N, C-alpha and C. Protein backbone atom coordinates (compact mmCIF):
# COMPACT_ATOMS: atom_id res chain seq x y z
N MET A 1 0.84 -1.16 0.00
CA MET A 1 0.00 0.00 0.00
C MET A 1 0.89 1.24 0.00
N LYS A 2 0.71 2.08 -0.96
CA LYS A 2 1.46 3.33 -1.01
C LYS A 2 0.76 4.37 -0.14
N LEU A 3 1.53 5.16 0.57
CA LEU A 3 0.99 6.21 1.41
C LEU A 3 0.73 7.46 0.57
N PRO A 4 -0.21 8.32 1.01
CA PRO A 4 -0.51 9.52 0.22
C PRO A 4 0.64 10.51 0.15
N ARG A 5 1.56 10.43 1.11
CA ARG A 5 2.76 11.26 1.10
C ARG A 5 3.88 10.49 1.77
N SER A 6 5.08 10.96 1.62
CA SER A 6 6.24 10.34 2.25
C SER A 6 6.34 10.80 3.70
N TYR A 7 6.70 9.87 4.58
CA TYR A 7 6.92 10.16 6.00
C TYR A 7 8.35 9.75 6.34
N SER A 8 8.94 10.42 7.32
CA SER A 8 10.25 9.97 7.79
C SER A 8 10.04 8.79 8.74
N LEU A 9 11.05 7.97 8.87
CA LEU A 9 10.98 6.84 9.80
C LEU A 9 10.68 7.34 11.21
N LYS A 10 11.26 8.47 11.60
CA LYS A 10 11.02 9.04 12.92
C LYS A 10 9.55 9.43 13.11
N GLU A 11 8.92 10.00 12.07
CA GLU A 11 7.50 10.38 12.16
C GLU A 11 6.63 9.15 12.40
N ILE A 12 6.89 8.10 11.65
CA ILE A 12 6.10 6.86 11.79
C ILE A 12 6.30 6.29 13.19
N ALA A 13 7.54 6.22 13.65
CA ALA A 13 7.82 5.67 14.97
C ALA A 13 7.11 6.47 16.05
N ASN A 14 7.11 7.78 15.93
CA ASN A 14 6.41 8.62 16.91
C ASN A 14 4.91 8.37 16.90
N LEU A 15 4.33 8.18 15.71
CA LEU A 15 2.88 7.94 15.60
C LEU A 15 2.45 6.66 16.31
N ILE A 16 3.28 5.63 16.25
CA ILE A 16 2.90 4.34 16.83
C ILE A 16 3.69 4.00 18.10
N SER A 17 4.40 4.99 18.64
CA SER A 17 5.19 4.80 19.88
C SER A 17 6.12 3.60 19.78
N ALA A 18 6.89 3.56 18.71
CA ALA A 18 7.79 2.43 18.47
C ALA A 18 9.24 2.89 18.46
N LYS A 19 10.13 1.96 18.74
CA LYS A 19 11.56 2.19 18.59
C LYS A 19 11.94 1.78 17.17
N PHE A 20 13.00 2.36 16.66
CA PHE A 20 13.44 1.99 15.32
C PHE A 20 14.96 1.94 15.29
N SER A 21 15.46 1.31 14.26
CA SER A 21 16.89 1.21 14.03
C SER A 21 17.16 1.72 12.63
N GLY A 22 18.08 2.66 12.50
CA GLY A 22 18.40 3.17 11.19
C GLY A 22 18.31 4.68 11.12
N ASP A 23 18.38 5.19 9.92
CA ASP A 23 18.36 6.62 9.65
C ASP A 23 16.98 7.19 9.95
N GLU A 24 16.88 8.12 10.90
CA GLU A 24 15.58 8.68 11.27
C GLU A 24 14.93 9.46 10.14
N ASN A 25 15.70 9.85 9.14
CA ASN A 25 15.17 10.60 8.00
C ASN A 25 14.84 9.71 6.80
N PHE A 26 14.97 8.40 6.97
CA PHE A 26 14.63 7.46 5.89
C PHE A 26 13.21 7.74 5.41
N ALA A 27 13.02 7.89 4.12
CA ALA A 27 11.70 8.19 3.55
C ALA A 27 10.85 6.93 3.44
N VAL A 28 9.75 6.89 4.16
CA VAL A 28 8.81 5.78 4.11
C VAL A 28 7.69 6.18 3.14
N THR A 29 7.51 5.38 2.10
CA THR A 29 6.51 5.70 1.08
C THR A 29 5.37 4.70 1.02
N GLY A 30 5.47 3.61 1.80
CA GLY A 30 4.40 2.62 1.78
C GLY A 30 4.54 1.62 2.91
N ILE A 31 3.55 0.76 3.02
CA ILE A 31 3.52 -0.33 4.00
C ILE A 31 3.09 -1.57 3.23
N ASN A 32 3.78 -2.68 3.47
CA ASN A 32 3.48 -3.87 2.69
C ASN A 32 3.80 -5.14 3.46
N GLU A 33 3.25 -6.25 2.99
CA GLU A 33 3.56 -7.56 3.52
C GLU A 33 4.99 -7.92 3.14
N ILE A 34 5.64 -8.74 3.94
CA ILE A 34 7.07 -9.03 3.74
C ILE A 34 7.37 -9.61 2.35
N HIS A 35 6.48 -10.39 1.79
CA HIS A 35 6.73 -10.99 0.47
C HIS A 35 6.39 -10.05 -0.69
N MET A 36 5.90 -8.84 -0.38
CA MET A 36 5.54 -7.88 -1.42
C MET A 36 6.23 -6.53 -1.23
N VAL A 37 7.14 -6.45 -0.28
CA VAL A 37 7.78 -5.18 0.08
C VAL A 37 8.59 -4.62 -1.09
N GLU A 38 8.57 -3.29 -1.23
CA GLU A 38 9.34 -2.57 -2.25
C GLU A 38 10.20 -1.54 -1.54
N ALA A 39 11.17 -0.99 -2.24
CA ALA A 39 12.03 0.05 -1.66
C ALA A 39 11.16 1.18 -1.12
N GLY A 40 11.44 1.59 0.12
CA GLY A 40 10.69 2.67 0.76
C GLY A 40 9.52 2.18 1.60
N ASP A 41 9.22 0.87 1.55
CA ASP A 41 8.10 0.30 2.33
C ASP A 41 8.55 -0.12 3.73
N LEU A 42 7.61 -0.07 4.66
CA LEU A 42 7.78 -0.67 5.96
C LEU A 42 7.07 -2.01 5.96
N THR A 43 7.59 -2.93 6.74
CA THR A 43 6.90 -4.19 6.96
C THR A 43 6.99 -4.51 8.45
N PHE A 44 6.04 -5.23 8.97
CA PHE A 44 6.02 -5.56 10.39
C PHE A 44 6.25 -7.06 10.55
N CYS A 45 7.04 -7.39 11.54
CA CYS A 45 7.34 -8.80 11.83
C CYS A 45 6.77 -9.18 13.18
C-alpha cells in the first residue's frame, strides 16, 4: 500500500510509539507484507 505522502521513519515511529533502528530521516513511502515489500516500504514482523 502506497501512502498519500512520504513520511520519515522518525515520524512513523512517533505515531505508533515504536523504537526503530536506522536513519531517522529514511523516507517511508508505503507499508506492505514481507513478500511484497518494495524500496521505501515498511513491513512488520
